[in-house]
């Protein structure tokens, strides 16, 4: 392949890594993120190599009153066919074979270090796709939660601006557009609700392939040998039952800190009043989460998990920190201890959920709306 600047490590970068006992060569992983969703997604094999085809019930059979000596009209249920796509993620690394000759055993350490970086990059990309993948914008992607739940008329999309008090309720725009927005997502995982998918007759999960040594070409077509590594992950998202997901959208991130204003900031006041304050920009996260939980069908609620970014998680815990609060507690979920849980539903952190989402308005498409047309 032809190389461009930045595609491969430079000699100075390699020298910096290989300096051995002169410096600590341990790489501090500042680029790592916490995206707990990847530890929770149940994956299933799709029924085709390109995606997963499923049927969704959209209507029940008509039921009639029976009369003596009169027959009953025929009826049947209605359903729609849904095809879920699969994306193919890949990362490739090549290192000149001369590096091994020059640096010996240290070469393996560098190659392993690069492997950790590629795996983290794949995890971050996969987590981002679960929320923001958009097949309409990029044909190689599958649709994520934000793309599927992008209309405030969808009964499973809740507009947080309606639960925000004070001057923040007004539309505010800067020279660069509206202030940053984010969302919380409640997901009830399961084979009949929401799951990840991987291609038929393949193995799911992140895969590393050691390509060994082979000949390649530089930008001028001259050949040389390299060691190659390939990291790949074929995956998609299948939402079989749209009722299993709820999105709380249009949360203005800059006002999450306002949970500390007024009553809580005054040490002489009763902290139990925090839940009822109405300071400017105060976002009622507790009420929002109660409404969202109630939208999940009762049979799915025991599987529901919250996902939000660090700013929302901090705001939620602050609002629930008063001594009389009975909604928030900490427990062990998915083998992780001290996980906050609101209304008995665990809340996990996903840094890939951004603070610059577009405002969700009317006009999007969603399953219930399509089934009614």
Protein backbone atom coordinates (compact mmCIF):
# COMPACT_ATOMS: atom_id res chain seq x y z
CA UNK A 1 0.00 0.00 0.00
CA UNK A 2 1.05 3.62 -0.43
CA UNK A 3 1.74 5.50 2.79
CA UNK A 4 0.88 9.05 3.76
CA UNK A 5 2.17 11.10 6.68
CA UNK A 6 0.58 9.86 9.91
CA UNK A 7 -0.30 6.39 8.61
CA UNK A 8 2.74 4.73 10.16
CA UNK A 9 5.07 5.48 13.06
CA UNK A 10 8.03 7.74 12.28
CA UNK A 11 11.60 6.81 13.24
CA UNK A 12 11.63 9.49 15.94
CA UNK A 13 8.42 8.10 17.44
CA UNK A 14 9.87 4.60 17.49
CA UNK A 15 13.12 5.86 19.04
CA UNK A 16 11.07 7.56 21.76
CA UNK A 17 9.29 4.27 22.52
CA UNK A 18 12.42 2.11 22.39
CA UNK A 19 14.66 4.24 24.62
CA UNK A 20 14.42 1.50 27.25
CA UNK A 21 15.73 2.33 30.70
CA UNK A 22 16.26 5.99 29.89
CA UNK A 23 12.54 6.67 30.27
CA UNK A 24 9.44 4.84 31.46
CA UNK A 25 8.07 3.30 28.24
CA UNK A 26 4.68 2.54 29.81
CA UNK A 27 2.05 4.29 27.73
CA UNK A 28 -0.53 6.20 29.75
CA UNK A 29 -3.82 5.52 27.97
CA UNK A 30 -5.29 9.02 28.02
CA UNK A 31 -7.46 8.21 24.99
CA UNK A 32 -9.33 5.36 26.69
CA UNK A 33 -13.03 5.84 27.39
CA UNK A 34 -15.59 4.25 29.68
CA UNK A 35 -18.33 2.76 27.50
CA UNK A 36 -20.08 0.19 29.68
CA UNK A 37 -22.66 -0.60 27.00
CA UNK A 38 -20.16 -2.91 25.27
CA UNK A 39 -20.15 -5.19 28.33
CA UNK A 40 -23.93 -5.55 28.29
CA UNK A 41 -24.98 -6.07 24.68
CA UNK A 42 -26.19 -9.66 24.10
CA UNK A 43 -25.05 -10.72 20.64
CA UNK A 44 -26.85 -13.22 18.41
CA UNK A 45 -26.03 -14.69 15.02
CA UNK A 46 -28.03 -13.08 12.22
CA UNK A 47 -30.03 -15.17 9.76
CA UNK A 48 -28.20 -13.77 6.69
CA UNK A 49 -24.60 -12.85 6.00
CA UNK A 50 -25.50 -9.22 5.23
CA UNK A 51 -27.91 -8.56 8.12
CA UNK A 52 -30.85 -9.85 10.09
CA UNK A 53 -34.38 -10.19 8.74
CA UNK A 54 -37.24 -10.27 11.22
CA UNK A 55 -40.99 -9.74 11.36
CA UNK A 56 -42.69 -7.31 13.71
CA UNK A 57 -46.37 -7.61 14.64
CA UNK A 58 -48.13 -4.38 13.72
CA UNK A 59 -51.79 -5.34 14.16
CA UNK A 60 -53.98 -7.96 15.86
CA UNK A 61 -56.81 -9.95 14.23
CA UNK A 62 -60.28 -8.44 14.38
CA UNK A 63 -62.60 -10.08 16.94
CA UNK A 64 -66.38 -10.22 16.34
CA UNK A 65 -69.58 -11.01 18.26
CA UNK A 66 -71.09 -14.35 17.26
CA UNK A 67 -74.81 -14.67 16.50
CA UNK A 68 -76.94 -17.78 16.32
CA UNK A 69 -77.05 -19.18 12.79
CA UNK A 70 -74.60 -16.54 11.61
CA UNK A 71 -70.97 -17.06 10.70
CA UNK A 72 -67.89 -15.13 11.85
CA UNK A 73 -65.86 -13.06 9.34
CA UNK A 74 -62.27 -14.13 8.73
CA UNK A 75 -59.48 -12.00 10.13
CA UNK A 76 -55.72 -12.11 10.56
CA UNK A 77 -52.89 -10.19 12.17
CA UNK A 78 -50.68 -7.71 10.36
CA UNK A 79 -46.90 -7.60 10.41
CA UNK A 80 -44.06 -5.80 8.72
CA UNK A 81 -40.69 -7.11 7.56
CA UNK A 82 -37.62 -5.44 9.06
CA UNK A 83 -34.04 -5.83 7.83
CA UNK A 84 -31.26 -4.82 10.22
CA UNK A 85 -27.86 -4.01 8.74
CA UNK A 86 -24.37 -5.03 9.83
CA UNK A 87 -21.27 -2.86 9.71
CA UNK A 88 -17.74 -4.14 9.13
CA UNK A 89 -15.15 -2.30 11.23
CA UNK A 90 -11.45 -2.77 10.53
CA UNK A 91 -8.10 -1.36 11.53
CA UNK A 92 -4.77 -2.29 9.93
CA UNK A 93 -1.20 -1.75 11.09
CA UNK A 94 2.10 -2.37 9.28
CA UNK A 95 5.61 -2.13 10.75
CA UNK A 96 8.82 -2.40 8.76
CA UNK A 97 10.58 -5.74 9.42
CA UNK A 98 13.82 -3.81 9.98
CA UNK A 99 12.36 -2.54 13.24
CA UNK A 100 12.57 -6.05 14.66
CA UNK A 101 16.19 -6.37 13.59
CA UNK A 102 17.07 -3.02 15.14
CA UNK A 103 15.24 -3.29 18.45
CA UNK A 104 14.93 -7.03 19.11
CA UNK A 105 12.66 -7.97 22.03
CA UNK A 106 11.43 -4.38 22.45
CA UNK A 107 9.75 -4.70 19.06
CA UNK A 108 7.16 -7.07 20.53
CA UNK A 109 6.33 -4.58 23.28
CA UNK A 110 5.72 -1.84 20.73
CA UNK A 111 3.55 -4.11 18.60
CA UNK A 112 1.51 -5.15 21.65
CA UNK A 113 1.11 -1.52 22.69
CA UNK A 114 -0.24 -0.65 19.25
CA UNK A 115 -2.63 -3.59 19.51
CA UNK A 116 -4.14 -2.17 22.70
CA UNK A 117 -4.67 1.15 20.96
CA UNK A 118 -6.40 -0.46 17.97
CA UNK A 119 -8.71 -2.50 20.21
CA UNK A 120 -9.68 0.59 22.20
CA UNK A 121 -10.33 2.50 18.97
CA UNK A 122 -12.60 -0.31 17.75
CA UNK A 123 -14.49 -0.37 21.04
CA UNK A 124 -15.05 3.37 20.95
CA UNK A 125 -16.21 3.21 17.33
CA UNK A 126 -18.62 0.36 18.10
CA UNK A 127 -20.05 2.14 21.14
CA UNK A 128 -20.54 5.32 19.13
CA UNK A 129 -22.36 3.39 16.39
CA UNK A 130 -24.77 1.87 18.92
CA UNK A 131 -25.97 5.38 19.67
CA UNK A 132 -25.25 7.49 16.59
CA UNK A 133 -24.90 5.13 13.63
CA UNK A 134 -26.88 6.50 10.65
CA UNK A 135 -27.29 4.34 7.56
CA UNK A 136 -28.90 7.21 5.62
CA UNK A 137 -25.78 9.37 6.05
CA UNK A 138 -23.25 6.58 5.68
CA UNK A 139 -24.31 3.42 3.86
CA UNK A 140 -21.66 1.39 5.71
CA UNK A 141 -23.20 2.11 9.12
CA UNK A 142 -26.16 0.59 10.93
CA UNK A 143 -28.75 2.77 12.68
CA UNK A 144 -28.13 3.54 16.34
CA UNK A 145 -30.55 4.51 19.09
CA UNK A 146 -30.37 8.26 18.45
CA UNK A 147 -31.18 7.73 14.78
CA UNK A 148 -34.12 5.41 15.50
CA UNK A 149 -35.60 7.58 18.28
CA UNK A 150 -35.38 11.04 16.75
CA UNK A 151 -38.94 12.40 16.83
CA UNK A 152 -40.52 14.00 19.91
CA UNK A 153 -43.89 12.64 18.77
CA UNK A 154 -42.54 9.15 19.35
CA UNK A 155 -44.11 8.05 22.67
CA UNK A 156 -40.73 6.64 23.70
CA UNK A 157 -38.89 9.95 23.21
CA UNK A 158 -39.16 12.39 26.12
CA UNK A 159 -38.25 16.06 25.68
CA UNK A 160 -36.20 17.13 28.73
CA UNK A 161 -36.78 20.82 27.96
CA UNK A 162 -40.35 20.36 29.19
CA UNK A 163 -38.93 19.39 32.60
CA UNK A 164 -36.41 22.24 32.78
CA UNK A 165 -37.34 25.23 34.88
CA UNK A 166 -36.61 28.96 34.74
CA UNK A 167 -35.05 31.00 31.95
CA UNK A 168 -33.49 27.87 30.45
CA UNK A 169 -36.93 26.90 29.16
CA UNK A 170 -36.58 29.58 26.48
CA UNK A 171 -34.73 28.79 23.29
CA UNK A 172 -31.15 30.01 23.63
CA UNK A 173 -28.76 30.25 20.75
CA UNK A 174 -25.22 31.50 20.45
CA UNK A 175 -23.32 32.54 17.36
CA UNK A 176 -22.49 28.87 16.82
CA UNK A 177 -26.05 27.64 17.35
CA UNK A 178 -27.91 26.20 20.31
CA UNK A 179 -26.05 25.27 23.45
CA UNK A 180 -24.92 21.65 23.80
CA UNK A 181 -27.53 18.95 24.19
CA UNK A 182 -27.29 15.34 25.30
CA UNK A 183 -29.55 12.35 26.04
CA UNK A 184 -30.15 9.46 28.43
CA UNK A 185 -31.16 6.06 27.07
CA UNK A 186 -33.06 3.29 28.84
CA UNK A 187 -32.56 -0.08 27.11
CA UNK A 188 -34.16 -3.44 27.94
CA UNK A 189 -31.74 -5.98 26.46
CA UNK A 190 -32.90 -9.39 25.27
CA UNK A 191 -33.22 -11.66 22.26
CA UNK A 192 -36.82 -10.61 21.71
CA UNK A 193 -36.25 -6.90 22.42
CA UNK A 194 -32.83 -5.37 21.65
CA UNK A 195 -29.59 -7.17 20.87
CA UNK A 196 -26.40 -6.97 18.89
CA UNK A 197 -25.98 -9.11 15.79
CA UNK A 198 -23.08 -10.60 13.83
CA UNK A 199 -23.10 -12.21 10.36
CA UNK A 200 -24.45 -15.70 9.82
CA UNK A 201 -21.86 -18.52 9.94
CA UNK A 202 -19.26 -16.24 11.52
CA UNK A 203 -17.87 -15.72 15.02
CA UNK A 204 -18.96 -12.64 16.95
CA UNK A 205 -16.67 -10.24 18.73
CA UNK A 206 -13.51 -8.27 18.13
CA UNK A 207 -10.96 -10.28 16.16
CA UNK A 208 -7.20 -9.88 15.71
CA UNK A 209 -5.32 -11.48 12.83
CA UNK A 210 -1.54 -11.64 12.73
CA UNK A 211 -0.81 -11.26 9.03
CA UNK A 212 2.86 -12.17 9.47
CA UNK A 213 5.45 -10.65 7.14
CA UNK A 214 4.74 -9.77 3.54
CA UNK A 215 5.85 -7.41 0.79
CA UNK A 216 4.23 -4.02 0.29
CA UNK A 217 5.09 -0.81 -1.55
CA UNK A 218 5.92 2.73 -0.52
CA UNK A 219 4.33 5.82 -2.02
CA UNK A 220 6.67 5.64 -5.01
CA UNK A 221 5.94 1.97 -5.70
CA UNK A 222 9.21 0.59 -4.30
CA UNK A 223 8.80 -2.69 -2.45
CA UNK A 224 9.80 -3.63 1.09
CA UNK A 225 8.70 -6.10 3.80
CA UNK A 226 6.47 -5.42 6.80
CA UNK A 227 4.76 -7.20 9.67
CA UNK A 228 1.02 -6.74 9.45
CA UNK A 229 -1.81 -6.84 11.98
CA UNK A 230 -5.52 -6.67 11.24
CA UNK A 231 -8.25 -5.92 13.80
CA UNK A 232 -11.87 -6.41 12.76
CA UNK A 233 -15.36 -6.44 14.22
CA UNK A 234 -18.52 -7.20 12.26
CA UNK A 235 -21.58 -6.11 14.21
CA UNK A 236 -25.00 -4.52 14.04
CA UNK A 237 -27.93 -3.51 16.24
CA UNK A 238 -31.30 -5.27 16.09
CA UNK A 239 -34.30 -3.58 17.75
CA UNK A 240 -37.05 -6.19 17.50
CA UNK A 241 -39.44 -4.41 19.86
CA UNK A 242 -39.30 -0.60 19.68
CA UNK A 243 -41.02 -0.38 23.10
CA UNK A 244 -37.87 -1.72 24.76
CA UNK A 245 -35.98 1.58 24.40
CA UNK A 246 -36.71 5.06 25.79
CA UNK A 247 -34.70 8.19 25.02
CA UNK A 248 -34.69 11.33 27.18
CA UNK A 249 -33.43 13.97 24.76
CA UNK A 250 -32.70 17.70 24.64
CA UNK A 251 -30.89 17.76 28.00
CA UNK A 252 -28.90 21.01 28.13
CA UNK A 253 -25.55 19.97 29.52
CA UNK A 254 -24.48 23.42 30.71
CA UNK A 255 -27.42 23.50 33.13
CA UNK A 256 -26.74 20.15 34.79
CA UNK A 257 -24.48 21.98 37.26
CA UNK A 258 -27.52 24.01 38.33
CA UNK A 259 -28.57 21.04 40.44
CA UNK A 260 -26.16 22.50 43.01
CA UNK A 261 -27.62 26.01 43.06
CA UNK A 262 -30.01 27.49 45.58
CA UNK A 263 -31.06 25.17 48.38
CA UNK A 264 -28.21 22.65 48.22
CA UNK A 265 -25.55 25.35 48.02
CA UNK A 266 -26.83 26.86 51.28
CA UNK A 267 -25.39 24.69 54.04
CA UNK A 268 -27.90 26.07 56.54
CA UNK A 269 -30.89 24.85 54.56
CA UNK A 270 -32.61 21.48 54.53
CA UNK A 271 -30.97 19.41 51.76
CA UNK A 272 -34.13 17.37 51.43
CA UNK A 273 -35.66 20.31 49.56
CA UNK A 274 -33.30 19.87 46.62
CA UNK A 275 -35.78 17.64 44.79
CA UNK A 276 -38.39 20.40 44.74
CA UNK A 277 -36.25 23.44 43.89
CA UNK A 278 -37.03 25.31 40.71
CA UNK A 279 -33.90 27.35 40.14
CA UNK A 280 -33.25 28.74 36.66
CA UNK A 281 -32.09 25.91 34.46
CA UNK A 282 -32.90 23.19 37.00
CA UNK A 283 -33.48 19.91 35.14
CA UNK A 284 -35.80 17.48 36.88
CA UNK A 285 -33.92 14.26 36.13
CA UNK A 286 -35.76 12.21 38.74
CA UNK A 287 -39.18 12.90 37.25
CA UNK A 288 -37.85 12.25 33.76
CA UNK A 289 -36.48 8.85 34.74
CA UNK A 290 -39.73 7.86 36.42
CA UNK A 291 -41.73 8.67 33.30
CA UNK A 292 -39.22 6.87 31.08
CA UNK A 293 -39.25 3.73 33.25
CA UNK A 294 -43.03 3.61 33.10
CA UNK A 295 -42.98 3.56 29.30
CA UNK A 296 -41.13 0.23 29.21
CA UNK A 297 -43.65 -2.68 29.26
CA UNK A 298 -43.80 -4.32 32.68
CA UNK A 299 -42.38 -7.62 31.44
CA UNK A 300 -39.23 -5.89 30.18
CA UNK A 301 -38.46 -3.52 33.04
CA UNK A 302 -36.35 -5.99 34.99
CA UNK A 303 -33.90 -6.01 32.05
CA UNK A 304 -33.75 -2.24 31.53
CA UNK A 305 -30.44 -0.40 31.94
CA UNK A 306 -29.72 3.34 31.83
CA UNK A 307 -26.89 4.84 29.77
CA UNK A 308 -25.69 8.44 30.00
CA UNK A 309 -22.48 10.44 29.84
CA UNK A 310 -20.45 11.49 32.93
CA UNK A 311 -22.08 14.93 33.18
CA UNK A 312 -25.62 13.53 33.30
CA UNK A 313 -24.58 10.80 35.73
CA UNK A 314 -23.08 13.39 38.08
CA UNK A 315 -26.21 15.54 37.86
CA UNK A 316 -28.44 12.55 38.58
CA UNK A 317 -26.43 11.54 41.64
CA UNK A 318 -26.34 15.11 42.95
CA UNK A 319 -30.11 15.47 42.63
CA UNK A 320 -30.57 12.17 44.43
CA UNK A 321 -28.10 12.88 47.23
CA UNK A 322 -30.50 14.30 49.80
CA UNK A 323 -30.91 12.29 52.98
CA UNK A 324 -34.56 11.44 52.42
CA UNK A 325 -34.04 10.14 48.90
CA UNK A 326 -35.30 6.60 48.35
CA UNK A 327 -34.96 6.48 44.58
CA UNK A 328 -31.18 6.09 44.20
CA UNK A 329 -29.10 3.31 45.69
CA UNK A 330 -25.87 1.49 44.85
CA UNK A 331 -25.55 -2.19 44.06
CA UNK A 332 -23.79 -4.83 41.97
CA UNK A 333 -24.84 -5.23 38.34
CA UNK A 334 -23.11 -7.19 35.55
CA UNK A 335 -20.42 -8.12 38.06
CA UNK A 336 -19.60 -4.46 38.82
CA UNK A 337 -19.94 -3.15 42.37
CA UNK A 338 -21.13 0.27 43.56
CA UNK A 339 -23.19 0.93 40.46
CA UNK A 340 -25.79 3.69 40.98
CA UNK A 341 -29.36 2.56 40.36
CA UNK A 342 -32.35 4.86 39.97
CA UNK A 343 -35.73 3.24 40.70
CA UNK A 344 -33.91 -0.13 40.81
CA UNK A 345 -32.54 0.33 37.29
CA UNK A 346 -28.70 0.53 37.05
CA UNK A 347 -27.12 3.62 35.49
CA UNK A 348 -23.93 3.09 33.48
CA UNK A 349 -21.52 5.59 32.01
CA UNK A 350 -20.89 5.96 28.27
CA UNK A 351 -18.45 8.68 27.28
CA UNK A 352 -19.36 8.21 23.64
CA UNK A 353 -22.72 9.92 24.33
CA UNK A 354 -21.86 13.43 23.27
CA UNK A 355 -22.81 16.86 24.61
CA UNK A 356 -23.42 18.28 21.13
CA UNK A 357 -26.43 16.35 19.90
CA UNK A 358 -28.84 18.09 17.56
CA UNK A 359 -32.16 19.17 19.06
CA UNK A 360 -34.78 16.46 18.60
CA UNK A 361 -37.96 17.89 17.07
CA UNK A 362 -41.01 16.61 15.21
CA UNK A 363 -40.76 15.13 11.75
CA UNK A 364 -38.63 12.04 12.24
CA UNK A 365 -39.63 8.46 11.58
CA UNK A 366 -40.33 5.79 14.17
CA UNK A 367 -41.85 2.27 14.15
CA UNK A 368 -45.22 3.03 15.73
CA UNK A 369 -45.77 5.95 13.36
CA UNK A 370 -44.96 3.77 10.36
CA UNK A 371 -47.32 1.00 11.51
CA UNK A 372 -50.20 3.46 11.77
CA UNK A 373 -49.84 4.74 8.23
